[in-house]
Amino acid sequence: MKSIGIVCEYNPFHNGHIYHINKIKEMFPDSIIILVMSGNFTQRGDASIINKWNKTKIALEYGYDLVVELPFSFATQSASFYAKGAIEILDNLNCDYLVFGSE
């Protein structure tokens, strides 16, 4: 079974995110979907609109199999540190693919 990794903030979770997860499920059926998500603070250092527990609940309700919090020390840094922390987590979880969306 393959594992698919996604890195996100979901601040807030919206229809584009629902579209994204549905496409991933379509492209990679029967795969484990792992989400690395910032917690109560965003990359810009602002407080998240939704707390990390509610964001996790929403993600699990929409079909993610595992939600891992990106530690504060990475989540509030510049893009290179943010990405480094997230990719290290996915690498340690032996993630097979990284999928991302863009505007």
PDB file of N, CA and C in Angstrom:
ATOM      1  N   MET A   1       0.844  -1.173   0.000  1.00  0.00           N
ATOM      2  CA  MET A   1       0.000   0.000   0.000  1.00  0.00           C
ATOM      3  C   MET A   1       0.894   1.242   0.000  1.00  0.00           C
ATOM      4  N   LYS A   2       0.592   2.180  -0.853  1.00  0.00           N
ATOM      5  CA  LYS A   2       1.360   3.419  -0.968  1.00  0.00           C
ATOM      6  C   LYS A   2       0.831   4.461   0.010  1.00  0.00           C
ATOM      7  N   SER A   3       1.718   5.386   0.397  1.00  0.00           N
ATOM      8  CA  SER A   3       1.284   6.491   1.247  1.00  0.00           C
ATOM      9  C   SER A   3       1.517   7.808   0.508  1.00  0.00           C
ATOM     10  N   ILE A   4       0.549   8.686   0.651  1.00  0.00           N
ATOM     11  CA  ILE A   4       0.548   9.987  -0.016  1.00  0.00           C
ATOM     12  C   ILE A   4       0.684  11.048   1.059  1.00  0.00           C
ATOM     13  N   GLY A   5       1.618  11.972   0.891  1.00  0.00           N
ATOM     14  CA  GLY A   5       1.824  13.043   1.854  1.00  0.00           C
ATOM     15  C   GLY A   5       1.363  14.388   1.332  1.00  0.00           C
ATOM     16  N   ILE A   6       0.754  15.163   2.204  1.00  0.00           N
ATOM     17  CA  ILE A   6       0.315  16.521   1.890  1.00  0.00           C
ATOM     18  C   ILE A   6       0.780  17.414   3.027  1.00  0.00           C
ATOM     19  N   VAL A   7       1.245  18.610   2.688  1.00  0.00           N
ATOM     20  CA  VAL A   7       1.657  19.606   3.668  1.00  0.00           C
ATOM     21  C   VAL A   7       0.698  20.778   3.536  1.00  0.00           C
ATOM     22  N   CYS A   8       0.134  21.245   4.670  1.00  0.00           N
ATOM     23  CA  CYS A   8      -0.875  22.296   4.568  1.00  0.00           C
ATOM     24  C   CYS A   8      -0.995  23.113   5.846  1.00  0.00           C
ATOM     25  N   GLU A   9      -1.829  24.157   5.758  1.00  0.00           N
ATOM     26  CA  GLU A   9      -2.219  24.917   6.943  1.00  0.00           C
ATOM     27  C   GLU A   9      -3.725  24.818   7.187  1.00  0.00           C
ATOM     28  N   TYR A  10      -4.509  24.755   6.119  1.00  0.00           N
ATOM     29  CA  TYR A  10      -5.975  24.712   6.221  1.00  0.00           C
ATOM     30  C   TYR A  10      -6.483  25.811   7.146  1.00  0.00           C
ATOM     31  N   ASN A  11      -6.208  27.025   6.739  1.00  0.00           N
ATOM     32  CA  ASN A  11      -6.568  28.187   7.553  1.00  0.00           C
ATOM     33  C   ASN A  11      -7.340  29.202   6.717  1.00  0.00           C
ATOM     34  N   PRO A  12      -8.593  28.970   6.446  1.00  0.00           N
ATOM     35  CA  PRO A  12      -9.461  27.869   6.872  1.00  0.00           C
ATOM     36  C   PRO A  12      -9.536  26.779   5.808  1.00  0.00           C
ATOM     37  N   PHE A  13     -10.162  25.676   6.174  1.00  0.00           N
ATOM     38  CA  PHE A  13     -10.444  24.576   5.255  1.00  0.00           C
ATOM     39  C   PHE A  13     -11.578  25.033   4.350  1.00  0.00           C
ATOM     40  N   HIS A  14     -11.435  24.836   3.017  1.00  0.00           N
ATOM     41  CA  HIS A  14     -12.456  25.332   2.090  1.00  0.00           C
ATOM     42  C   HIS A  14     -12.699  24.331   0.962  1.00  0.00           C
ATOM     43  N   ASN A  15     -13.589  24.688   0.036  1.00  0.00           N
ATOM     44  CA  ASN A  15     -13.983  23.784  -1.046  1.00  0.00           C
ATOM     45  C   ASN A  15     -12.811  23.341  -1.918  1.00  0.00           C
ATOM     46  N   GLY A  16     -11.818  24.194  -2.094  1.00  0.00           N
ATOM     47  CA  GLY A  16     -10.642  23.808  -2.871  1.00  0.00           C
ATOM     48  C   GLY A  16      -9.889  22.660  -2.212  1.00  0.00           C
ATOM     49  N   HIS A  17      -9.865  22.651  -0.889  1.00  0.00           N
ATOM     50  CA  HIS A  17      -9.223  21.554  -0.165  1.00  0.00           C
ATOM     51  C   HIS A  17     -10.022  20.256  -0.321  1.00  0.00           C
ATOM     52  N   ILE A  18     -11.329  20.375  -0.328  1.00  0.00           N
ATOM     53  CA  ILE A  18     -12.181  19.191  -0.538  1.00  0.00           C
ATOM     54  C   ILE A  18     -11.935  18.632  -1.936  1.00  0.00           C
ATOM     55  N   TYR A  19     -11.866  19.500  -2.918  1.00  0.00           N
ATOM     56  CA  TYR A  19     -11.575  19.075  -4.292  1.00  0.00           C
ATOM     57  C   TYR A  19     -10.223  18.360  -4.342  1.00  0.00           C
ATOM     58  N   HIS A  20      -9.238  18.922  -3.675  1.00  0.00           N
ATOM     59  CA  HIS A  20      -7.885  18.362  -3.653  1.00  0.00           C
ATOM     60  C   HIS A  20      -7.876  16.950  -3.075  1.00  0.00           C
ATOM     61  N   ILE A  21      -8.481  16.759  -1.916  1.00  0.00           N
ATOM     62  CA  ILE A  21      -8.482  15.428  -1.294  1.00  0.00           C
ATOM     63  C   ILE A  21      -9.253  14.429  -2.157  1.00  0.00           C
ATOM     64  N   ASN A  22     -10.350  14.860  -2.765  1.00  0.00           N
ATOM     65  CA  ASN A  22     -11.112  13.956  -3.628  1.00  0.00           C
ATOM     66  C   ASN A  22     -10.310  13.535  -4.857  1.00  0.00           C
ATOM     67  N   LYS A  23      -9.542  14.450  -5.425  1.00  0.00           N
ATOM     68  CA  LYS A  23      -8.694  14.122  -6.577  1.00  0.00           C
ATOM     69  C   LYS A  23      -7.588  13.143  -6.177  1.00  0.00           C
ATOM     70  N   ILE A  24      -7.027  13.347  -5.003  1.00  0.00           N
ATOM     71  CA  ILE A  24      -5.976  12.439  -4.530  1.00  0.00           C
ATOM     72  C   ILE A  24      -6.539  11.029  -4.352  1.00  0.00           C
ATOM     73  N   LYS A  25      -7.730  10.942  -3.775  1.00  0.00           N
ATOM     74  CA  LYS A  25      -8.364   9.635  -3.601  1.00  0.00           C
ATOM     75  C   LYS A  25      -8.635   8.972  -4.949  1.00  0.00           C
ATOM     76  N   GLU A  26      -8.992   9.778  -5.939  1.00  0.00           N
ATOM     77  CA  GLU A  26      -9.262   9.272  -7.284  1.00  0.00           C
ATOM     78  C   GLU A  26      -7.962   8.788  -7.950  1.00  0.00           C
ATOM     79  N   MET A  27      -6.889   9.556  -7.794  1.00  0.00           N
ATOM     80  CA  MET A  27      -5.617   9.224  -8.436  1.00  0.00           C
ATOM     81  C   MET A  27      -4.874   8.083  -7.740  1.00  0.00           C
ATOM     82  N   PHE A  28      -5.042   7.981  -6.439  1.00  0.00           N
ATOM     83  CA  PHE A  28      -4.325   6.985  -5.644  1.00  0.00           C
ATOM     84  C   PHE A  28      -5.302   6.184  -4.779  1.00  0.00           C
ATOM     85  N   PRO A  29      -6.159   5.396  -5.416  1.00  0.00           N
ATOM     86  CA  PRO A  29      -7.122   4.621  -4.618  1.00  0.00           C
ATOM     87  C   PRO A  29      -6.393   3.630  -3.707  1.00  0.00           C
ATOM     88  N   ASP A  30      -6.993   3.353  -2.585  1.00  0.00           N
ATOM     89  CA  ASP A  30      -6.456   2.389  -1.621  1.00  0.00           C
ATOM     90  C   ASP A  30      -5.086   2.783  -1.071  1.00  0.00           C
ATOM     91  N   SER A  31      -4.811   4.074  -1.017  1.00  0.00           N
ATOM     92  CA  SER A  31      -3.562   4.561  -0.438  1.00  0.00           C
ATOM     93  C   SER A  31      -3.842   5.202   0.917  1.00  0.00           C
ATOM     94  N   ILE A  32      -2.815   5.280   1.726  1.00  0.00           N
ATOM     95  CA  ILE A  32      -2.905   5.974   3.007  1.00  0.00           C
ATOM     96  C   ILE A  32      -2.556   7.437   2.748  1.00  0.00           C
ATOM     97  N   ILE A  33      -3.375   8.335   3.230  1.00  0.00           N
ATOM     98  CA  ILE A  33      -3.149   9.761   3.005  1.00  0.00           C
ATOM     99  C   ILE A  33      -2.740  10.407   4.323  1.00  0.00           C
ATOM    100  N   ILE A  34      -1.526  10.961   4.324  1.00  0.00           N
ATOM    101  CA  ILE A  34      -0.937  11.571   5.518  1.00  0.00           C
ATOM    102  C   ILE A  34      -0.890  13.080   5.338  1.00  0.00           C
ATOM    103  N   LEU A  35      -1.352  13.776   6.331  1.00  0.00           N
ATOM    104  CA  LEU A  35      -1.385  15.239   6.297  1.00  0.00           C
ATOM    105  C   LEU A  35      -0.434  15.779   7.350  1.00  0.00           C
ATOM    106  N   VAL A  36       0.505  16.629   6.949  1.00  0.00           N
ATOM    107  CA  VAL A  36       1.350  17.354   7.888  1.00  0.00           C
ATOM    108  C   VAL A  36       0.810  18.773   7.894  1.00  0.00           C
ATOM    109  N   MET A  37       0.309  19.195   9.051  1.00  0.00           N
ATOM    110  CA  MET A  37      -0.424  20.458   9.138  1.00  0.00           C
ATOM    111  C   MET A  37       0.105  21.329  10.271  1.00  0.00           C
ATOM    112  N   SER A  38       0.176  22.624  10.002  1.00  0.00           N
ATOM    113  CA  SER A  38       0.547  23.553  11.067  1.00  0.00           C
ATOM    114  C   SER A  38      -0.529  23.523  12.144  1.00  0.00           C
ATOM    115  N   GLY A  39      -0.144  23.865  13.351  1.00  0.00           N
ATOM    116  CA  GLY A  39      -1.064  23.800  14.482  1.00  0.00           C
ATOM    117  C   GLY A  39      -1.850  25.081  14.690  1.00  0.00           C
ATOM    118  N   ASN A  40      -1.703  25.662  15.857  1.00  0.00           N
ATOM    119  CA  ASN A  40      -2.477  26.859  16.203  1.00  0.00           C
ATOM    120  C   ASN A  40      -1.890  28.150  15.639  1.00  0.00           C
ATOM    121  N   PHE A  41      -0.714  28.065  15.021  1.00  0.00           N
ATOM    122  CA  PHE A  41      -0.090  29.239  14.428  1.00  0.00           C
ATOM    123  C   PHE A  41       0.309  28.935  12.995  1.00  0.00           C
ATOM    124  N   THR A  42       0.249  29.945  12.142  1.00  0.00           N
ATOM    125  CA  THR A  42       0.529  29.777  10.721  1.00  0.00           C
ATOM    126  C   THR A  42       1.980  30.126  10.412  1.00  0.00           C
ATOM    127  N   GLN A  43       2.346  29.898   9.160  1.00  0.00           N
ATOM    128  CA  GLN A  43       3.707  30.185   8.731  1.00  0.00           C
ATOM    129  C   GLN A  43       4.051  31.658   8.909  1.00  0.00           C
ATOM    130  N   ARG A  44       3.081  32.500   8.841  1.00  0.00           N
ATOM    131  CA  ARG A  44       3.315  33.934   9.018  1.00  0.00           C
ATOM    132  C   ARG A  44       3.328  34.341  10.484  1.00  0.00           C
ATOM    133  N   GLY A  45       3.161  33.379  11.381  1.00  0.00           N
ATOM    134  CA  GLY A  45       3.204  33.645  12.811  1.00  0.00           C
ATOM    135  C   GLY A  45       1.886  34.117  13.383  1.00  0.00           C
ATOM    136  N   ASP A  46       0.838  34.193  12.560  1.00  0.00           N
ATOM    137  CA  ASP A  46      -0.485  34.584  13.040  1.00  0.00           C
ATOM    138  C   ASP A  46      -1.177  33.397  13.711  1.00  0.00           C
ATOM    139  N   ALA A  47      -2.113  33.708  14.573  1.00  0.00           N
ATOM    140  CA  ALA A  47      -2.937  32.645  15.158  1.00  0.00           C
ATOM    141  C   ALA A  47      -3.856  32.093  14.075  1.00  0.00           C
ATOM    142  N   SER A  48      -3.993  30.790  14.038  1.00  0.00           N
ATOM    143  CA  SER A  48      -4.867  30.142  13.069  1.00  0.00           C
ATOM    144  C   SER A  48      -6.323  30.496  13.369  1.00  0.00           C
ATOM    145  N   ILE A  49      -7.125  30.622  12.326  1.00  0.00           N
ATOM    146  CA  ILE A  49      -8.549  30.935  12.482  1.00  0.00           C
ATOM    147  C   ILE A  49      -9.258  29.821  13.255  1.00  0.00           C
ATOM    148  N   ILE A  50      -8.854  28.577  12.977  1.00  0.00           N
ATOM    149  CA  ILE A  50      -9.440  27.398  13.626  1.00  0.00           C
ATOM    150  C   ILE A  50      -8.336  26.720  14.432  1.00  0.00           C
ATOM    151  N   ASN A  51      -8.646  26.275  15.643  1.00  0.00           N
ATOM    152  CA  ASN A  51      -7.600  25.626  16.449  1.00  0.00           C
ATOM    153  C   ASN A  51      -7.204  24.277  15.832  1.00  0.00           C
ATOM    154  N   LYS A  52      -6.043  23.798  16.223  1.00  0.00           N
ATOM    155  CA  LYS A  52      -5.488  22.588  15.624  1.00  0.00           C
ATOM    156  C   LYS A  52      -6.357  21.351  15.824  1.00  0.00           C
ATOM    157  N   TRP A  53      -7.088  21.296  16.909  1.00  0.00           N
ATOM    158  CA  TRP A  53      -7.945  20.130  17.171  1.00  0.00           C
ATOM    159  C   TRP A  53      -9.123  20.101  16.200  1.00  0.00           C
ATOM    160  N   ASN A  54      -9.727  21.250  15.963  1.00  0.00           N
ATOM    161  CA  ASN A  54     -10.851  21.306  15.022  1.00  0.00           C
ATOM    162  C   ASN A  54     -10.384  21.111  13.585  1.00  0.00           C
ATOM    163  N   LYS A  55      -9.211  21.653  13.230  1.00  0.00           N
ATOM    164  CA  LYS A  55      -8.670  21.426  11.882  1.00  0.00           C
ATOM    165  C   LYS A  55      -8.405  19.935  11.672  1.00  0.00           C
ATOM    166  N   THR A  56      -7.887  19.275  12.688  1.00  0.00           N
ATOM    167  CA  THR A  56      -7.622  17.838  12.596  1.00  0.00           C
ATOM    168  C   THR A  56      -8.921  17.058  12.437  1.00  0.00           C
ATOM    169  N   LYS A  57      -9.926  17.422  13.208  1.00  0.00           N
ATOM    170  CA  LYS A  57     -11.227  16.749  13.116  1.00  0.00           C
ATOM    171  C   LYS A  57     -11.806  16.890  11.710  1.00  0.00           C
ATOM    172  N   ILE A  58     -11.737  18.079  11.142  1.00  0.00           N
ATOM    173  CA  ILE A  58     -12.247  18.315   9.789  1.00  0.00           C
ATOM    174  C   ILE A  58     -11.483  17.450   8.786  1.00  0.00           C
ATOM    175  N   ALA A  59     -10.163  17.445   8.890  1.00  0.00           N
ATOM    176  CA  ALA A  59      -9.346  16.666   7.956  1.00  0.00           C
ATOM    177  C   ALA A  59      -9.687  15.176   8.030  1.00  0.00           C
ATOM    178  N   LEU A  60      -9.833  14.652   9.232  1.00  0.00           N
ATOM    179  CA  LEU A  60     -10.179  13.237   9.379  1.00  0.00           C
ATOM    180  C   LEU A  60     -11.574  12.933   8.827  1.00  0.00           C
ATOM    181  N   GLU A  61     -12.500  13.859   9.014  1.00  0.00           N
ATOM    182  CA  GLU A  61     -13.858  13.669   8.484  1.00  0.00           C
ATOM    183  C   GLU A  61     -13.870  13.634   6.958  1.00  0.00           C
ATOM    184  N   TYR A  62     -12.930  14.316   6.320  1.00  0.00           N
ATOM    185  CA  TYR A  62     -12.879  14.337   4.862  1.00  0.00           C
ATOM    186  C   TYR A  62     -11.982  13.260   4.271  1.00  0.00           C
ATOM    187  N   GLY A  63     -11.460  12.360   5.103  1.00  0.00           N
ATOM    188  CA  GLY A  63     -10.818  11.179   4.564  1.00  0.00           C
ATOM    189  C   GLY A  63      -9.320  11.044   4.715  1.00  0.00           C
ATOM    190  N   TYR A  64      -8.678  11.958   5.435  1.00  0.00           N
ATOM    191  CA  TYR A  64      -7.256  11.752   5.706  1.00  0.00           C
ATOM    192  C   TYR A  64      -7.124  10.624   6.706  1.00  0.00           C
ATOM    193  N   ASP A  65      -6.081   9.831   6.552  1.00  0.00           N
ATOM    194  CA  ASP A  65      -5.878   8.691   7.441  1.00  0.00           C
ATOM    195  C   ASP A  65      -5.051   9.042   8.671  1.00  0.00           C
ATOM    196  N   LEU A  66      -4.147   9.993   8.521  1.00  0.00           N
ATOM    197  CA  LEU A  66      -3.273  10.386   9.618  1.00  0.00           C
ATOM    198  C   LEU A  66      -2.995  11.880   9.504  1.00  0.00           C
ATOM    199  N   VAL A  67      -3.125  12.588  10.613  1.00  0.00           N
ATOM    200  CA  VAL A  67      -2.802  14.014  10.660  1.00  0.00           C
ATOM    201  C   VAL A  67      -1.685  14.188  11.680  1.00  0.00           C
ATOM    202  N   VAL A  68      -0.575  14.784  11.233  1.00  0.00           N
ATOM    203  CA  VAL A  68       0.582  15.021  12.081  1.00  0.00           C
ATOM    204  C   VAL A  68       0.804  16.527  12.152  1.00  0.00           C
ATOM    205  N   GLU A  69       0.985  17.028  13.359  1.00  0.00           N
ATOM    206  CA  GLU A  69       1.220  18.460  13.515  1.00  0.00           C
ATOM    207  C   GLU A  69       2.657  18.808  13.154  1.00  0.00           C
ATOM    208  N   LEU A  70       2.814  19.828  12.302  1.00  0.00           N
ATOM    209  CA  LEU A  70       4.138  20.375  12.030  1.00  0.00           C
ATOM    210  C   LEU A  70       4.527  21.184  13.258  1.00  0.00           C
ATOM    211  N   PRO A  71       5.628  20.840  13.915  1.00  0.00           N
ATOM    212  CA  PRO A  71       5.998  21.545  15.149  1.00  0.00           C
ATOM    213  C   PRO A  71       6.097  23.057  14.962  1.00  0.00           C
ATOM    214  N   PHE A  72       5.746  23.771  16.006  1.00  0.00           N
ATOM    215  CA  PHE A  72       5.762  25.236  16.023  1.00  0.00           C
ATOM    216  C   PHE A  72       7.077  25.794  15.490  1.00  0.00           C
ATOM    217  N   SER A  73       8.192  25.161  15.872  1.00  0.00           N
ATOM    218  CA  SER A  73       9.508  25.670  15.467  1.00  0.00           C
ATOM    219  C   SER A  73       9.727  25.628  13.957  1.00  0.00           C
ATOM    220  N   PHE A  74       8.982  24.811  13.241  1.00  0.00           N
ATOM    221  CA  PHE A  74       9.025  24.795  11.776  1.00  0.00           C
ATOM    222  C   PHE A  74       7.846  25.570  11.191  1.00  0.00           C
ATOM    223  N   ALA A  75       6.676  25.418  11.797  1.00  0.00           N
ATOM    224  CA  ALA A  75       5.450  25.985  11.238  1.00  0.00           C
ATOM    225  C   ALA A  75       5.466  27.502  11.148  1.00  0.00           C
ATOM    226  N   THR A  76       6.217  28.164  11.985  1.00  0.00           N
ATOM    227  CA  THR A  76       6.214  29.635  12.003  1.00  0.00           C
ATOM    228  C   THR A  76       7.465  30.231  11.347  1.00  0.00           C
ATOM    229  N   GLN A  77       8.204  29.440  10.610  1.00  0.00           N
ATOM    230  CA  GLN A  77       9.443  29.897   9.972  1.00  0.00           C
ATOM    231  C   GLN A  77       9.237  30.225   8.494  1.00  0.00           C
ATOM    232  N   SER A  78      10.310  30.636   7.855  1.00  0.00           N
ATOM    233  CA  SER A  78      10.286  30.905   6.420  1.00  0.00           C
ATOM    234  C   SER A  78       9.993  29.607   5.661  1.00  0.00           C
ATOM    235  N   ALA A  79       9.676  29.754   4.389  1.00  0.00           N
ATOM    236  CA  ALA A  79       9.249  28.617   3.575  1.00  0.00           C
ATOM    237  C   ALA A  79      10.254  27.472   3.578  1.00  0.00           C
ATOM    238  N   SER A  80      11.543  27.784   3.538  1.00  0.00           N
ATOM    239  CA  SER A  80      12.536  26.711   3.473  1.00  0.00           C
ATOM    240  C   SER A  80      12.555  25.869   4.748  1.00  0.00           C
ATOM    241  N   PHE A  81      12.425  26.494   5.911  1.00  0.00           N
ATOM    242  CA  PHE A  81      12.392  25.749   7.175  1.00  0.00           C
ATOM    243  C   PHE A  81      11.054  25.022   7.337  1.00  0.00           C
ATOM    244  N   TYR A  82       9.966  25.677   6.952  1.00  0.00           N
ATOM    245  CA  TYR A  82       8.633  25.073   6.994  1.00  0.00           C
ATOM    246  C   TYR A  82       8.654  23.776   6.179  1.00  0.00           C
ATOM    247  N   ALA A  83       9.135  23.873   4.939  1.00  0.00           N
ATOM    248  CA  ALA A  83       9.169  22.710   4.047  1.00  0.00           C
ATOM    249  C   ALA A  83      10.115  21.630   4.585  1.00  0.00           C
ATOM    250  N   LYS A  84      11.268  22.039   5.088  1.00  0.00           N
ATOM    251  CA  LYS A  84      12.239  21.074   5.621  1.00  0.00           C
ATOM    252  C   LYS A  84      11.628  20.242   6.746  1.00  0.00           C
ATOM    253  N   GLY A  85      10.949  20.902   7.673  1.00  0.00           N
ATOM    254  CA  GLY A  85      10.318  20.180   8.771  1.00  0.00           C
ATOM    255  C   GLY A  85       9.248  19.214   8.290  1.00  0.00           C
ATOM    256  N   ALA A  86       8.416  19.687   7.374  1.00  0.00           N
ATOM    257  CA  ALA A  86       7.323  18.846   6.872  1.00  0.00           C
ATOM    258  C   ALA A  86       7.843  17.645   6.085  1.00  0.00           C
ATOM    259  N   ILE A  87       8.823  17.880   5.227  1.00  0.00           N
ATOM    260  CA  ILE A  87       9.357  16.785   4.416  1.00  0.00           C
ATOM    261  C   ILE A  87      10.116  15.781   5.283  1.00  0.00           C
ATOM    262  N   GLU A  88      10.803  16.246   6.302  1.00  0.00           N
ATOM    263  CA  GLU A  88      11.476  15.309   7.214  1.00  0.00           C
ATOM    264  C   GLU A  88      10.468  14.400   7.911  1.00  0.00           C
ATOM    265  N   ILE A  89       9.338  14.961   8.304  1.00  0.00           N
ATOM    266  CA  ILE A  89       8.295  14.144   8.943  1.00  0.00           C
ATOM    267  C   ILE A  89       7.798  13.087   7.968  1.00  0.00           C
ATOM    268  N   LEU A  90       7.469  13.511   6.744  1.00  0.00           N
ATOM    269  CA  LEU A  90       6.963  12.561   5.754  1.00  0.00           C
ATOM    270  C   LEU A  90       8.020  11.515   5.396  1.00  0.00           C
ATOM    271  N   ASP A  91       9.264  11.918   5.332  1.00  0.00           N
ATOM    272  CA  ASP A  91      10.341  10.977   5.052  1.00  0.00           C
ATOM    273  C   ASP A  91      10.457   9.945   6.176  1.00  0.00           C
ATOM    274  N   ASN A  92      10.367  10.402   7.416  1.00  0.00           N
ATOM    275  CA  ASN A  92      10.446   9.481   8.558  1.00  0.00           C
ATOM    276  C   ASN A  92       9.251   8.534   8.613  1.00  0.00           C
ATOM    277  N   LEU A  93       8.140   8.929   8.006  1.00  0.00           N
ATOM    278  CA  LEU A  93       6.963   8.065   7.935  1.00  0.00           C
ATOM    279  C   LEU A  93       6.975   7.193   6.673  1.00  0.00           C
ATOM    280  N   ASN A  94       8.100   7.227   5.948  1.00  0.00           N
ATOM    281  CA  ASN A  94       8.263   6.448   4.716  1.00  0.00           C
ATOM    282  C   ASN A  94       7.186   6.741   3.679  1.00  0.00           C
ATOM    283  N   CYS A  95       6.864   7.996   3.535  1.00  0.00           N
ATOM    284  CA  CYS A  95       5.854   8.425   2.574  1.00  0.00           C
ATOM    285  C   CYS A  95       6.368   8.196   1.149  1.00  0.00           C
ATOM    286  N   ASP A  96       5.509   7.648   0.284  1.00  0.00           N
ATOM    287  CA  ASP A  96       5.908   7.334  -1.090  1.00  0.00           C
ATOM    288  C   ASP A  96       5.779   8.516  -2.049  1.00  0.00           C
ATOM    289  N   TYR A  97       4.745   9.333  -1.879  1.00  0.00           N
ATOM    290  CA  TYR A  97       4.489  10.444  -2.788  1.00  0.00           C
ATOM    291  C   TYR A  97       4.164  11.706  -2.007  1.00  0.00           C
ATOM    292  N   LEU A  98       4.529  12.840  -2.585  1.00  0.00           N
ATOM    293  CA  LEU A  98       4.163  14.141  -2.051  1.00  0.00           C
ATOM    294  C   LEU A  98       3.241  14.783  -3.084  1.00  0.00           C
ATOM    295  N   VAL A  99       2.053  15.181  -2.659  1.00  0.00           N
ATOM    296  CA  VAL A  99       1.089  15.802  -3.542  1.00  0.00           C
ATOM    297  C   VAL A  99       0.801  17.194  -3.012  1.00  0.00           C
ATOM    298  N   PHE A 100       0.728  18.161  -3.907  1.00  0.00           N
ATOM    299  CA  PHE A 100       0.423  19.513  -3.468  1.00  0.00           C
ATOM    300  C   PHE A 100      -0.488  20.184  -4.468  1.00  0.00           C
ATOM    301  N   GLY A 101      -1.165  21.213  -4.008  1.00  0.00           N
ATOM    302  CA  GLY A 101      -2.015  22.020  -4.866  1.00  0.00           C
ATOM    303  C   GLY A 101      -1.467  23.427  -4.924  1.00  0.00           C
ATOM    304  N   SER A 102      -1.887  24.162  -5.916  1.00  0.00           N
ATOM    305  CA  SER A 102      -1.487  25.559  -6.004  1.00  0.00           C
ATOM    306  C   SER A 102      -2.649  26.375  -6.541  1.00  0.00           C
ATOM    307  N   GLU A 103      -2.594  27.626  -6.261  1.00  0.00           N
ATOM    308  CA  GLU A 103      -3.691  28.505  -6.684  1.00  0.00           C
ATOM    309  C   GLU A 103      -3.589  28.831  -8.151  1.00  0.00           C
TER     310      GLU A 103
END
